[in-house]
Amino acid sequence: MNDTKEIYDLMKMFESNATKFFNVTSDFEKEDKSLWNKRRYYANGSVNNTFIAYMFGYSFGKTA
């Protein structure tokens, strides 16, 4: 899913929802795309971990 329109749309949706529903600051600085394969999407570790959980929920929703 890395480097697809789907991941960019998911990141945009996450960033718009994160400050409303999660205890996440607005620090959405992205890591270099070469690190995305290692599940490092955001430079802030807390934001990154929350995004990974968000991705799992998104993936589960697609399969249900």
PDB file of N, CA and C in Angstrom:
ATOM      1  N   MET A   1       0.814  -1.188   0.000  1.00  0.00           N
ATOM      2  CA  MET A   1       0.000   0.000   0.000  1.00  0.00           C
ATOM      3  C   MET A   1       0.863   1.260   0.000  1.00  0.00           C
ATOM      4  N   ASN A   2       2.144   1.130   0.308  1.00  0.00           N
ATOM      5  CA  ASN A   2       3.016   2.293   0.331  1.00  0.00           C
ATOM      6  C   ASN A   2       3.129   2.920  -1.046  1.00  0.00           C
ATOM      7  N   ASP A   3       3.177   4.243  -1.056  1.00  0.00           N
ATOM      8  CA  ASP A   3       3.338   5.046  -2.270  1.00  0.00           C
ATOM      9  C   ASP A   3       2.184   4.846  -3.256  1.00  0.00           C
ATOM     10  N   THR A   4       0.982   4.740  -2.717  1.00  0.00           N
ATOM     11  CA  THR A   4      -0.212   4.657  -3.553  1.00  0.00           C
ATOM     12  C   THR A   4      -1.141   5.813  -3.172  1.00  0.00           C
ATOM     13  N   LYS A   5      -2.112   6.059  -3.999  1.00  0.00           N
ATOM     14  CA  LYS A   5      -3.092   7.097  -3.683  1.00  0.00           C
ATOM     15  C   LYS A   5      -3.822   6.744  -2.397  1.00  0.00           C
ATOM     16  N   GLU A   6      -4.033   5.458  -2.176  1.00  0.00           N
ATOM     17  CA  GLU A   6      -4.751   5.012  -0.983  1.00  0.00           C
ATOM     18  C   GLU A   6      -4.030   5.424   0.300  1.00  0.00           C
ATOM     19  N   ILE A   7      -2.713   5.275   0.365  1.00  0.00           N
ATOM     20  CA  ILE A   7      -1.982   5.644   1.589  1.00  0.00           C
ATOM     21  C   ILE A   7      -2.016   7.151   1.797  1.00  0.00           C
ATOM     22  N   TYR A   8      -1.914   7.917   0.725  1.00  0.00           N
ATOM     23  CA  TYR A   8      -1.959   9.376   0.858  1.00  0.00           C
ATOM     24  C   TYR A   8      -3.347   9.835   1.312  1.00  0.00           C
ATOM     25  N   ASP A   9      -4.387   9.217   0.783  1.00  0.00           N
ATOM     26  CA  ASP A   9      -5.750   9.543   1.218  1.00  0.00           C
ATOM     27  C   ASP A   9      -5.953   9.162   2.677  1.00  0.00           C
ATOM     28  N   LEU A  10      -5.405   8.008   3.079  1.00  0.00           N
ATOM     29  CA  LEU A  10      -5.517   7.559   4.467  1.00  0.00           C
ATOM     30  C   LEU A  10      -4.779   8.505   5.406  1.00  0.00           C
ATOM     31  N   MET A  11      -3.602   8.959   5.014  1.00  0.00           N
ATOM     32  CA  MET A  11      -2.842   9.907   5.839  1.00  0.00           C
ATOM     33  C   MET A  11      -3.603  11.221   5.985  1.00  0.00           C
ATOM     34  N   LYS A  12      -4.193  11.682   4.907  1.00  0.00           N
ATOM     35  CA  LYS A  12      -4.964  12.925   4.956  1.00  0.00           C
ATOM     36  C   LYS A  12      -6.157  12.777   5.900  1.00  0.00           C
ATOM     37  N   MET A  13      -6.855  11.640   5.809  1.00  0.00           N
ATOM     38  CA  MET A  13      -7.989  11.373   6.680  1.00  0.00           C
ATOM     39  C   MET A  13      -7.522  11.270   8.141  1.00  0.00           C
ATOM     40  N   PHE A  14      -6.422  10.579   8.376  1.00  0.00           N
ATOM     41  CA  PHE A  14      -5.867  10.450   9.723  1.00  0.00           C
ATOM     42  C   PHE A  14      -5.526  11.813  10.308  1.00  0.00           C
ATOM     43  N   GLU A  15      -4.855  12.633   9.537  1.00  0.00           N
ATOM     44  CA  GLU A  15      -4.440  13.943  10.026  1.00  0.00           C
ATOM     45  C   GLU A  15      -5.631  14.835  10.355  1.00  0.00           C
ATOM     46  N   SER A  16      -6.700  14.705   9.598  1.00  0.00           N
ATOM     47  CA  SER A  16      -7.875  15.529   9.898  1.00  0.00           C
ATOM     48  C   SER A  16      -8.645  14.998  11.110  1.00  0.00           C
ATOM     49  N   ASN A  17      -8.553  13.705  11.388  1.00  0.00           N
ATOM     50  CA  ASN A  17      -9.274  13.109  12.517  1.00  0.00           C
ATOM     51  C   ASN A  17      -8.446  12.978  13.786  1.00  0.00           C
ATOM     52  N   ALA A  18      -7.144  12.964  13.665  1.00  0.00           N
ATOM     53  CA  ALA A  18      -6.273  12.644  14.806  1.00  0.00           C
ATOM     54  C   ALA A  18      -6.417  13.631  15.961  1.00  0.00           C
ATOM     55  N   THR A  19      -6.488  14.914  15.667  1.00  0.00           N
ATOM     56  CA  THR A  19      -6.590  15.879  16.762  1.00  0.00           C
ATOM     57  C   THR A  19      -7.970  15.866  17.406  1.00  0.00           C
ATOM     58  N   LYS A  20      -8.977  15.367  16.688  1.00  0.00           N
ATOM     59  CA  LYS A  20     -10.336  15.309  17.234  1.00  0.00           C
ATOM     60  C   LYS A  20     -10.557  14.078  18.111  1.00  0.00           C
ATOM     61  N   PHE A  21     -10.043  12.926  17.671  1.00  0.00           N
ATOM     62  CA  PHE A  21     -10.386  11.657  18.309  1.00  0.00           C
ATOM     63  C   PHE A  21      -9.263  11.018  19.105  1.00  0.00           C
ATOM     64  N   PHE A  22      -8.030  11.419  18.871  1.00  0.00           N
ATOM     65  CA  PHE A  22      -6.887  10.820  19.556  1.00  0.00           C
ATOM     66  C   PHE A  22      -6.123  11.900  20.288  1.00  0.00           C
ATOM     67  N   ASN A  23      -5.314  11.501  21.228  1.00  0.00           N
ATOM     68  CA  ASN A  23      -4.472  12.447  21.956  1.00  0.00           C
ATOM     69  C   ASN A  23      -3.191  12.679  21.163  1.00  0.00           C
ATOM     70  N   VAL A  24      -3.355  13.287  19.992  1.00  0.00           N
ATOM     71  CA  VAL A  24      -2.240  13.497  19.078  1.00  0.00           C
ATOM     72  C   VAL A  24      -2.106  14.981  18.808  1.00  0.00           C
ATOM     73  N   THR A  25      -0.875  15.459  18.865  1.00  0.00           N
ATOM     74  CA  THR A  25      -0.629  16.856  18.535  1.00  0.00           C
ATOM     75  C   THR A  25      -0.724  17.039  17.028  1.00  0.00           C
ATOM     76  N   SER A  26      -0.537  18.234  16.582  1.00  0.00           N
ATOM     77  CA  SER A  26      -0.605  18.493  15.143  1.00  0.00           C
ATOM     78  C   SER A  26       0.765  18.359  14.487  1.00  0.00           C
ATOM     79  N   ASP A  27       1.658  17.567  15.070  1.00  0.00           N
ATOM     80  CA  ASP A  27       2.998  17.352  14.526  1.00  0.00           C
ATOM     81  C   ASP A  27       2.962  16.196  13.535  1.00  0.00           C
ATOM     82  N   PHE A  28       2.639  16.513  12.283  1.00  0.00           N
ATOM     83  CA  PHE A  28       2.472  15.478  11.268  1.00  0.00           C
ATOM     84  C   PHE A  28       3.604  15.491  10.251  1.00  0.00           C
ATOM     85  N   GLU A  29       4.821  15.772  10.715  1.00  0.00           N
ATOM     86  CA  GLU A  29       5.973  15.744   9.812  1.00  0.00           C
ATOM     87  C   GLU A  29       6.214  14.297   9.379  1.00  0.00           C
ATOM     88  N   LYS A  30       6.255  14.090   8.092  1.00  0.00           N
ATOM     89  CA  LYS A  30       6.411  12.737   7.558  1.00  0.00           C
ATOM     90  C   LYS A  30       7.880  12.358   7.449  1.00  0.00           C
ATOM     91  N   GLU A  31       8.132  11.061   7.611  1.00  0.00           N
ATOM     92  CA  GLU A  31       9.466  10.509   7.392  1.00  0.00           C
ATOM     93  C   GLU A  31       9.707  10.388   5.886  1.00  0.00           C
ATOM     94  N   ASP A  32      10.934  10.163   5.519  1.00  0.00           N
ATOM     95  CA  ASP A  32      11.273   9.903   4.133  1.00  0.00           C
ATOM     96  C   ASP A  32      10.574   8.623   3.685  1.00  0.00           C
ATOM     97  N   LYS A  33      10.126   8.611   2.460  1.00  0.00           N
ATOM     98  CA  LYS A  33       9.368   7.458   1.949  1.00  0.00           C
ATOM     99  C   LYS A  33      10.153   6.156   2.003  1.00  0.00           C
ATOM    100  N   SER A  34      11.474   6.229   2.020  1.00  0.00           N
ATOM    101  CA  SER A  34      12.275   5.007   2.095  1.00  0.00           C
ATOM    102  C   SER A  34      12.089   4.289   3.428  1.00  0.00           C
ATOM    103  N   LEU A  35      11.611   4.995   4.458  1.00  0.00           N
ATOM    104  CA  LEU A  35      11.392   4.394   5.771  1.00  0.00           C
ATOM    105  C   LEU A  35       9.985   3.826   5.926  1.00  0.00           C
ATOM    106  N   TRP A  36       9.105   4.107   5.000  1.00  0.00           N
ATOM    107  CA  TRP A  36       7.725   3.641   5.113  1.00  0.00           C
ATOM    108  C   TRP A  36       7.642   2.122   5.119  1.00  0.00           C
ATOM    109  N   ASN A  37       8.543   1.434   4.450  1.00  0.00           N
ATOM    110  CA  ASN A  37       8.543  -0.032   4.459  1.00  0.00           C
ATOM    111  C   ASN A  37       8.851  -0.589   5.850  1.00  0.00           C
ATOM    112  N   LYS A  38       9.464   0.242   6.692  1.00  0.00           N
ATOM    113  CA  LYS A  38       9.777  -0.154   8.068  1.00  0.00           C
ATOM    114  C   LYS A  38       8.720   0.359   9.043  1.00  0.00           C
ATOM    115  N   ARG A  39       7.571   0.764   8.504  1.00  0.00           N
ATOM    116  CA  ARG A  39       6.454   1.303   9.285  1.00  0.00           C
ATOM    117  C   ARG A  39       6.820   2.582  10.024  1.00  0.00           C
ATOM    118  N   ARG A  40       7.657   3.397   9.424  1.00  0.00           N
ATOM    119  CA  ARG A  40       7.999   4.713   9.972  1.00  0.00           C
ATOM    120  C   ARG A  40       7.452   5.756   9.010  1.00  0.00           C
ATOM    121  N   TYR A  41       6.237   6.217   9.290  1.00  0.00           N
ATOM    122  CA  TYR A  41       5.534   7.149   8.421  1.00  0.00           C
ATOM    123  C   TYR A  41       5.672   8.587   8.894  1.00  0.00           C
ATOM    124  N   TYR A  42       5.636   8.786  10.212  1.00  0.00           N
ATOM    125  CA  TYR A  42       5.723  10.120  10.809  1.00  0.00           C
ATOM    126  C   TYR A  42       6.952  10.201  11.700  1.00  0.00           C
ATOM    127  N   ALA A  43       7.573  11.381  11.733  1.00  0.00           N
ATOM    128  CA  ALA A  43       8.791  11.579  12.519  1.00  0.00           C
ATOM    129  C   ALA A  43       8.510  11.469  14.023  1.00  0.00           C
ATOM    130  N   ASN A  44       7.349  11.914  14.454  1.00  0.00           N
ATOM    131  CA  ASN A  44       6.959  11.816  15.860  1.00  0.00           C
ATOM    132  C   ASN A  44       6.510  10.380  16.138  1.00  0.00           C
ATOM    133  N   GLY A  45       7.178   9.717  17.063  1.00  0.00           N
ATOM    134  CA  GLY A  45       6.891   8.308  17.342  1.00  0.00           C
ATOM    135  C   GLY A  45       5.479   8.055  17.819  1.00  0.00           C
ATOM    136  N   SER A  46       4.943   8.941  18.650  1.00  0.00           N
ATOM    137  CA  SER A  46       3.576   8.780  19.149  1.00  0.00           C
ATOM    138  C   SER A  46       2.569   8.905  18.008  1.00  0.00           C
ATOM    139  N   VAL A  47       2.775   9.878  17.153  1.00  0.00           N
ATOM    140  CA  VAL A  47       1.896  10.057  15.993  1.00  0.00           C
ATOM    141  C   VAL A  47       2.016   8.845  15.073  1.00  0.00           C
ATOM    142  N   ASN A  48       3.226   8.365  14.874  1.00  0.00           N
ATOM    143  CA  ASN A  48       3.453   7.215  14.007  1.00  0.00           C
ATOM    144  C   ASN A  48       2.735   5.975  14.535  1.00  0.00           C
ATOM    145  N   ASN A  49       2.857   5.709  15.836  1.00  0.00           N
ATOM    146  CA  ASN A  49       2.190   4.539  16.430  1.00  0.00           C
ATOM    147  C   ASN A  49       0.674   4.647  16.332  1.00  0.00           C
ATOM    148  N   THR A  50       0.153   5.840  16.512  1.00  0.00           N
ATOM    149  CA  THR A  50      -1.290   6.039  16.394  1.00  0.00           C
ATOM    150  C   THR A  50      -1.736   5.824  14.956  1.00  0.00           C
ATOM    151  N   PHE A  51      -0.923   6.275  14.005  1.00  0.00           N
ATOM    152  CA  PHE A  51      -1.265   6.069  12.595  1.00  0.00           C
ATOM    153  C   PHE A  51      -1.264   4.585  12.239  1.00  0.00           C
ATOM    154  N   ILE A  52      -0.322   3.834  12.769  1.00  0.00           N
ATOM    155  CA  ILE A  52      -0.273   2.396  12.500  1.00  0.00           C
ATOM    156  C   ILE A  52      -1.541   1.722  13.029  1.00  0.00           C
ATOM    157  N   ALA A  53      -1.966   2.086  14.233  1.00  0.00           N
ATOM    158  CA  ALA A  53      -3.214   1.545  14.778  1.00  0.00           C
ATOM    159  C   ALA A  53      -4.394   1.957  13.894  1.00  0.00           C
ATOM    160  N   TYR A  54      -4.378   3.182  13.407  1.00  0.00           N
ATOM    161  CA  TYR A  54      -5.424   3.686  12.510  1.00  0.00           C
ATOM    162  C   TYR A  54      -5.451   2.860  11.222  1.00  0.00           C
ATOM    163  N   MET A  55      -4.267   2.540  10.701  1.00  0.00           N
ATOM    164  CA  MET A  55      -4.186   1.717   9.477  1.00  0.00           C
ATOM    165  C   MET A  55      -4.759   0.326   9.724  1.00  0.00           C
ATOM    166  N   PHE A  56      -4.478  -0.269  10.885  1.00  0.00           N
ATOM    167  CA  PHE A  56      -5.036  -1.588  11.194  1.00  0.00           C
ATOM    168  C   PHE A  56      -6.561  -1.527  11.224  1.00  0.00           C
ATOM    169  N   GLY A  57      -7.105  -0.487  11.830  1.00  0.00           N
ATOM    170  CA  GLY A  57      -8.556  -0.320  11.854  1.00  0.00           C
ATOM    171  C   GLY A  57      -9.125  -0.138  10.457  1.00  0.00           C
ATOM    172  N   TYR A  58      -8.446   0.632   9.650  1.00  0.00           N
ATOM    173  CA  TYR A  58      -8.870   0.847   8.263  1.00  0.00           C
ATOM    174  C   TYR A  58      -8.862  -0.469   7.497  1.00  0.00           C
ATOM    175  N   SER A  59      -7.790  -1.239   7.651  1.00  0.00           N
ATOM    176  CA  SER A  59      -7.676  -2.518   6.961  1.00  0.00           C
ATOM    177  C   SER A  59      -8.750  -3.498   7.425  1.00  0.00           C
ATOM    178  N   PHE A  60      -9.011  -3.515   8.722  1.00  0.00           N
ATOM    179  CA  PHE A  60     -10.050  -4.391   9.246  1.00  0.00           C
ATOM    180  C   PHE A  60     -11.413  -3.989   8.678  1.00  0.00           C
ATOM    181  N   GLY A  61     -11.662  -2.706   8.606  1.00  0.00           N
ATOM    182  CA  GLY A  61     -12.922  -2.218   8.058  1.00  0.00           C
ATOM    183  C   GLY A  61     -13.115  -2.591   6.602  1.00  0.00           C
ATOM    184  N   LYS A  62     -12.023  -2.643   5.852  1.00  0.00           N
ATOM    185  CA  LYS A  62     -12.110  -3.041   4.450  1.00  0.00           C
ATOM    186  C   LYS A  62     -12.472  -4.519   4.301  1.00  0.00           C
ATOM    187  N   THR A  63     -12.032  -5.350   5.245  1.00  0.00           N
ATOM    188  CA  THR A  63     -12.272  -6.784   5.133  1.00  0.00           C
ATOM    189  C   THR A  63     -13.624  -7.193   5.715  1.00  0.00           C
ATOM    190  N   ALA A  64     -14.151  -6.361   6.618  1.00  0.00           N
ATOM    191  CA  ALA A  64     -15.418  -6.724   7.277  1.00  0.00           C
ATOM    192  C   ALA A  64     -16.612  -6.460   6.395  1.00  0.00           C
TER     193      ALA A  64
END
